Amino acid sequence: MKKFRFLLAFGLSLALLFVTCSCSEKIPPSCRDILAAMTSSEAGLPAGRVYSAMAEAGESEFLDDSLLAALYGGGSLPDVSEDWLDCAVFLPSSSHPCELAVFLCSSHDAASDTARLLCSRLRSLKNAKSTCEEFSLMLESASVTICGNFVLFIVSSDTQNSLKIAKSLIS
């Protein structure tokens, strides 16, 4: 009987431990970490800057609202920006079209709205660079992808690889 009670108590303890561990929420990676992995895998990454919403004013990576407004809002912050929990952006310092951005949104609806916004940005880039033959393949393979509540904006020499790397960190 003692053996049975011990096994029952042990089994219940294991079950409780399993349930506790499986219910704990996974902390998502930072957009900056995902962007770092994407940029480090980019062959021939042009000179540029990384901006992060988690950087403080005065830090080199500080992402100012005016930059977000210029890139994605036509001069003013888009309404969906209120639902961005985190974001990080790589912008080239030349006319090279390589541009990477990662957004973490508060909901799937916000991610969908952000993706629409980024598709508009991609159309603008394609229009601006349409006469530049050397970048046509890069622009044609560009991607806006929703992965959970993350939205990935990828204009890269190897979009599929960048996407694979980002997804591996997110899931």
C-alpha atoms as a PDB file:
ATOM      1  CA  MET A   1       0.000   0.000   0.000  1.00  0.00           C
ATOM      2  CA  LYS A   2       2.872   2.382   0.816  1.00  0.00           C
ATOM      3  CA  LYS A   3       4.364   1.652  -2.572  1.00  0.00           C
ATOM      4  CA  PHE A   4       1.073   2.474  -4.280  1.00  0.00           C
ATOM      5  CA  ARG A   5       0.751   5.808  -2.411  1.00  0.00           C
ATOM      6  CA  PHE A   6       4.335   6.691  -3.278  1.00  0.00           C
ATOM      7  CA  LEU A   7       3.785   5.915  -6.965  1.00  0.00           C
ATOM      8  CA  LEU A   8       0.514   7.842  -6.981  1.00  0.00           C
ATOM      9  CA  ALA A   9       2.111  10.872  -5.322  1.00  0.00           C
ATOM     10  CA  PHE A  10       5.094  10.653  -7.666  1.00  0.00           C
ATOM     11  CA  GLY A  11       2.822  10.376 -10.717  1.00  0.00           C
ATOM     12  CA  LEU A  12       0.709  13.342  -9.611  1.00  0.00           C
ATOM     13  CA  SER A  13       3.854  15.398  -9.004  1.00  0.00           C
ATOM     14  CA  LEU A  14       5.126  14.620 -12.493  1.00  0.00           C
ATOM     15  CA  ALA A  15       1.745  15.447 -14.023  1.00  0.00           C
ATOM     16  CA  LEU A  16       1.610  18.752 -12.134  1.00  0.00           C
ATOM     17  CA  LEU A  17       5.151  19.594 -13.235  1.00  0.00           C
ATOM     18  CA  PHE A  18       4.295  18.782 -16.867  1.00  0.00           C
ATOM     19  CA  VAL A  19       1.127  20.895 -16.798  1.00  0.00           C
ATOM     20  CA  THR A  20       2.940  23.807 -15.150  1.00  0.00           C
ATOM     21  CA  CYS A  21       5.761  23.740 -17.691  1.00  0.00           C
ATOM     22  CA  SER A  22       3.493  23.365 -20.700  1.00  0.00           C
ATOM     23  CA  CYS A  23       1.248  26.238 -19.635  1.00  0.00           C
ATOM     24  CA  SER A  24       4.027  28.734 -19.163  1.00  0.00           C
ATOM     25  CA  GLU A  25       4.095  31.345 -21.912  1.00  0.00           C
ATOM     26  CA  LYS A  26       7.018  31.424 -24.239  1.00  0.00           C
ATOM     27  CA  ILE A  27       8.635  34.838 -24.313  1.00  0.00           C
ATOM     28  CA  PRO A  28       8.924  35.975 -27.918  1.00  0.00           C
ATOM     29  CA  PRO A  29      12.351  36.990 -29.186  1.00  0.00           C
ATOM     30  CA  SER A  30      12.983  40.702 -29.584  1.00  0.00           C
ATOM     31  CA  CYS A  31      12.557  42.182 -33.019  1.00  0.00           C
ATOM     32  CA  ARG A  32      16.135  43.423 -32.734  1.00  0.00           C
ATOM     33  CA  ASP A  33      17.432  39.856 -32.225  1.00  0.00           C
ATOM     34  CA  ILE A  34      15.457  38.577 -35.214  1.00  0.00           C
ATOM     35  CA  LEU A  35      16.698  41.458 -37.355  1.00  0.00           C
ATOM     36  CA  ALA A  36      20.298  40.824 -36.247  1.00  0.00           C
ATOM     37  CA  ALA A  37      20.046  37.209 -37.399  1.00  0.00           C
ATOM     38  CA  MET A  38      18.573  38.297 -40.718  1.00  0.00           C
ATOM     39  CA  THR A  39      21.219  40.949 -41.373  1.00  0.00           C
ATOM     40  CA  SER A  40      24.093  38.666 -40.392  1.00  0.00           C
ATOM     41  CA  SER A  41      22.938  36.121 -42.975  1.00  0.00           C
ATOM     42  CA  GLU A  42      22.613  38.720 -45.729  1.00  0.00           C
ATOM     43  CA  ALA A  43      25.309  38.289 -48.370  1.00  0.00           C
ATOM     44  CA  GLY A  44      26.616  41.665 -49.453  1.00  0.00           C
ATOM     45  CA  LEU A  45      24.656  43.644 -46.880  1.00  0.00           C
ATOM     46  CA  PRO A  46      24.992  47.289 -47.902  1.00  0.00           C
ATOM     47  CA  ALA A  47      26.151  49.904 -45.436  1.00  0.00           C
ATOM     48  CA  GLY A  48      23.244  51.080 -43.380  1.00  0.00           C
ATOM     49  CA  ARG A  49      21.736  51.486 -39.952  1.00  0.00           C
ATOM     50  CA  VAL A  50      19.645  49.436 -37.619  1.00  0.00           C
ATOM     51  CA  TYR A  51      16.890  51.124 -35.660  1.00  0.00           C
ATOM     52  CA  SER A  52      15.109  49.559 -32.704  1.00  0.00           C
ATOM     53  CA  ALA A  53      11.997  50.592 -30.816  1.00  0.00           C
ATOM     54  CA  MET A  54      13.662  49.286 -27.653  1.00  0.00           C
ATOM     55  CA  ALA A  55      16.588  51.717 -27.935  1.00  0.00           C
ATOM     56  CA  GLU A  56      16.449  54.803 -25.755  1.00  0.00           C
ATOM     57  CA  ALA A  57      16.617  58.370 -27.071  1.00  0.00           C
ATOM     58  CA  GLY A  58      20.260  59.264 -27.615  1.00  0.00           C
ATOM     59  CA  GLU A  59      21.336  55.697 -28.449  1.00  0.00           C
ATOM     60  CA  SER A  60      22.598  55.055 -31.964  1.00  0.00           C
ATOM     61  CA  GLU A  61      19.742  52.643 -32.762  1.00  0.00           C
ATOM     62  CA  PHE A  62      16.964  54.880 -31.439  1.00  0.00           C
ATOM     63  CA  LEU A  63      13.884  54.605 -33.670  1.00  0.00           C
ATOM     64  CA  ASP A  64      12.213  57.981 -33.749  1.00  0.00           C
ATOM     65  CA  ASP A  65       8.488  58.285 -34.435  1.00  0.00           C
ATOM     66  CA  SER A  66       9.249  60.715 -37.260  1.00  0.00           C
ATOM     67  CA  LEU A  67      11.222  58.010 -39.092  1.00  0.00           C
ATOM     68  CA  LEU A  68       8.352  55.539 -38.690  1.00  0.00           C
ATOM     69  CA  ALA A  69       5.938  58.195 -39.932  1.00  0.00           C
ATOM     70  CA  ALA A  70       8.099  58.923 -42.974  1.00  0.00           C
ATOM     71  CA  LEU A  71       8.592  55.262 -43.856  1.00  0.00           C
ATOM     72  CA  TYR A  72       5.172  53.829 -43.158  1.00  0.00           C
ATOM     73  CA  GLY A  73       2.666  56.583 -42.540  1.00  0.00           C
ATOM     74  CA  GLY A  74       3.051  59.140 -45.293  1.00  0.00           C
ATOM     75  CA  GLY A  75       4.237  61.734 -42.785  1.00  0.00           C
ATOM     76  CA  SER A  76       2.205  60.815 -39.723  1.00  0.00           C
ATOM     77  CA  LEU A  77       2.272  57.720 -37.554  1.00  0.00           C
ATOM     78  CA  PRO A  78      -0.202  55.130 -38.791  1.00  0.00           C
ATOM     79  CA  ASP A  79      -3.008  54.237 -36.368  1.00  0.00           C
ATOM     80  CA  VAL A  80      -1.815  50.628 -36.173  1.00  0.00           C
ATOM     81  CA  SER A  81       1.481  51.793 -34.635  1.00  0.00           C
ATOM     82  CA  GLU A  82      -0.335  51.883 -31.293  1.00  0.00           C
ATOM     83  CA  ASP A  83      -0.488  48.079 -31.533  1.00  0.00           C
ATOM     84  CA  TRP A  84       3.232  47.597 -32.167  1.00  0.00           C
ATOM     85  CA  LEU A  85       4.832  46.040 -29.108  1.00  0.00           C
ATOM     86  CA  ASP A  86       8.292  46.084 -30.661  1.00  0.00           C
ATOM     87  CA  CYS A  87       9.926  46.759 -33.999  1.00  0.00           C
ATOM     88  CA  ALA A  88      13.368  46.903 -35.562  1.00  0.00           C
ATOM     89  CA  VAL A  89      14.363  48.166 -39.002  1.00  0.00           C
ATOM     90  CA  PHE A  90      17.461  47.982 -41.186  1.00  0.00           C
ATOM     91  CA  LEU A  91      17.778  50.794 -43.739  1.00  0.00           C
ATOM     92  CA  PRO A  92      20.609  51.108 -46.256  1.00  0.00           C
ATOM     93  CA  SER A  93      22.547  54.367 -46.309  1.00  0.00           C
ATOM     94  CA  SER A  94      22.755  54.268 -50.121  1.00  0.00           C
ATOM     95  CA  SER A  95      20.231  53.792 -52.902  1.00  0.00           C
ATOM     96  CA  HIS A  96      20.504  50.006 -52.484  1.00  0.00           C
ATOM     97  CA  PRO A  97      16.985  48.580 -51.967  1.00  0.00           C
ATOM     98  CA  CYS A  98      17.923  46.051 -49.234  1.00  0.00           C
ATOM     99  CA  GLU A  99      15.518  46.812 -46.409  1.00  0.00           C
ATOM    100  CA  LEU A 100      14.521  44.589 -43.512  1.00  0.00           C
ATOM    101  CA  ALA A 101      11.966  45.187 -40.780  1.00  0.00           C
ATOM    102  CA  VAL A 102      10.426  43.114 -38.001  1.00  0.00           C
ATOM    103  CA  PHE A 103       7.279  44.142 -36.132  1.00  0.00           C
ATOM    104  CA  LEU A 104       5.686  42.448 -33.140  1.00  0.00           C
ATOM    105  CA  CYS A 105       2.008  43.315 -32.924  1.00  0.00           C
ATOM    106  CA  SER A 106      -0.428  42.981 -30.039  1.00  0.00           C
ATOM    107  CA  SER A 107      -2.894  40.893 -32.061  1.00  0.00           C
ATOM    108  CA  HIS A 108      -3.341  39.052 -35.322  1.00  0.00           C
ATOM    109  CA  ASP A 109      -5.632  41.849 -36.569  1.00  0.00           C
ATOM    110  CA  ALA A 110      -2.894  44.399 -35.895  1.00  0.00           C
ATOM    111  CA  ALA A 111      -0.423  42.135 -37.694  1.00  0.00           C
ATOM    112  CA  SER A 112      -2.757  42.026 -40.714  1.00  0.00           C
ATOM    113  CA  ASP A 113      -3.088  45.820 -40.707  1.00  0.00           C
ATOM    114  CA  THR A 114       0.692  46.176 -40.389  1.00  0.00           C
ATOM    115  CA  ALA A 115       1.222  43.767 -43.283  1.00  0.00           C
ATOM    116  CA  ARG A 116      -1.068  45.889 -45.484  1.00  0.00           C
ATOM    117  CA  LEU A 117       0.927  48.952 -44.511  1.00  0.00           C
ATOM    118  CA  LEU A 118       4.203  47.213 -45.347  1.00  0.00           C
ATOM    119  CA  CYS A 119       2.822  46.041 -48.699  1.00  0.00           C
ATOM    120  CA  SER A 120       2.233  49.701 -49.484  1.00  0.00           C
ATOM    121  CA  ARG A 121       5.846  50.447 -48.542  1.00  0.00           C
ATOM    122  CA  LEU A 122       7.011  47.617 -50.799  1.00  0.00           C
ATOM    123  CA  ARG A 123       4.981  48.984 -53.724  1.00  0.00           C
ATOM    124  CA  SER A 124       6.599  52.390 -53.176  1.00  0.00           C
ATOM    125  CA  LEU A 125      10.071  50.850 -53.198  1.00  0.00           C
ATOM    126  CA  LYS A 126       9.319  48.886 -56.358  1.00  0.00           C
ATOM    127  CA  ASN A 127       8.020  52.017 -58.089  1.00  0.00           C
ATOM    128  CA  ALA A 128      11.020  54.084 -57.020  1.00  0.00           C
ATOM    129  CA  LYS A 129      13.519  51.444 -58.173  1.00  0.00           C
ATOM    130  CA  SER A 130      11.638  50.175 -61.246  1.00  0.00           C
ATOM    131  CA  THR A 131      14.204  51.580 -63.684  1.00  0.00           C
ATOM    132  CA  CYS A 132      17.129  49.994 -61.861  1.00  0.00           C
ATOM    133  CA  GLU A 133      17.707  46.690 -63.658  1.00  0.00           C
ATOM    134  CA  GLU A 134      20.359  45.385 -61.233  1.00  0.00           C
ATOM    135  CA  PHE A 135      17.856  45.315 -58.344  1.00  0.00           C
ATOM    136  CA  SER A 136      14.846  43.923 -60.205  1.00  0.00           C
ATOM    137  CA  LEU A 137      15.302  40.334 -58.983  1.00  0.00           C
ATOM    138  CA  MET A 138      15.713  41.471 -55.381  1.00  0.00           C
ATOM    139  CA  LEU A 139      12.563  43.570 -55.556  1.00  0.00           C
ATOM    140  CA  GLU A 140      10.549  40.841 -57.252  1.00  0.00           C
ATOM    141  CA  SER A 141      11.436  38.309 -54.561  1.00  0.00           C
ATOM    142  CA  ALA A 142      10.705  40.769 -51.712  1.00  0.00           C
ATOM    143  CA  SER A 143       8.235  39.619 -49.095  1.00  0.00           C
ATOM    144  CA  VAL A 144       5.815  40.799 -46.434  1.00  0.00           C
ATOM    145  CA  THR A 145       5.015  37.841 -44.197  1.00  0.00           C
ATOM    146  CA  ILE A 146       2.886  37.376 -41.092  1.00  0.00           C
ATOM    147  CA  CYS A 147       4.265  34.818 -38.652  1.00  0.00           C
ATOM    148  CA  GLY A 148       2.068  34.669 -35.562  1.00  0.00           C
ATOM    149  CA  ASN A 149       1.893  38.261 -34.352  1.00  0.00           C
ATOM    150  CA  PHE A 150       5.173  39.123 -36.060  1.00  0.00           C
ATOM    151  CA  VAL A 151       5.278  40.829 -39.439  1.00  0.00           C
ATOM    152  CA  LEU A 152       8.435  40.515 -41.523  1.00  0.00           C
ATOM    153  CA  PHE A 153       9.363  42.953 -44.287  1.00  0.00           C
ATOM    154  CA  ILE A 154      12.169  41.525 -46.407  1.00  0.00           C
ATOM    155  CA  VAL A 155      13.870  43.091 -49.399  1.00  0.00           C
ATOM    156  CA  SER A 156      16.947  40.904 -49.565  1.00  0.00           C
ATOM    157  CA  SER A 157      19.352  39.169 -51.894  1.00  0.00           C
ATOM    158  CA  ASP A 158      18.015  35.905 -50.423  1.00  0.00           C
ATOM    159  CA  THR A 159      14.483  36.485 -49.191  1.00  0.00           C
ATOM    160  CA  GLN A 160      13.780  32.800 -48.574  1.00  0.00           C
ATOM    161  CA  ASN A 161      16.846  32.400 -46.358  1.00  0.00           C
ATOM    162  CA  SER A 162      16.014  35.543 -44.348  1.00  0.00           C
ATOM    163  CA  LEU A 163      12.460  34.321 -43.933  1.00  0.00           C
ATOM    164  CA  LYS A 164      13.633  30.864 -42.829  1.00  0.00           C
ATOM    165  CA  ILE A 165      16.001  32.372 -40.260  1.00  0.00           C
ATOM    166  CA  ALA A 166      13.334  34.689 -38.857  1.00  0.00           C
ATOM    167  CA  LYS A 167      10.746  31.906 -38.628  1.00  0.00           C
ATOM    168  CA  SER A 168      13.196  29.626 -36.837  1.00  0.00           C
ATOM    169  CA  LEU A 169      13.632  32.248 -34.116  1.00  0.00           C
ATOM    170  CA  ILE A 170       9.933  33.032 -33.840  1.00  0.00           C
ATOM    171  CA  SER A 171       8.621  29.457 -33.536  1.00  0.00           C
END
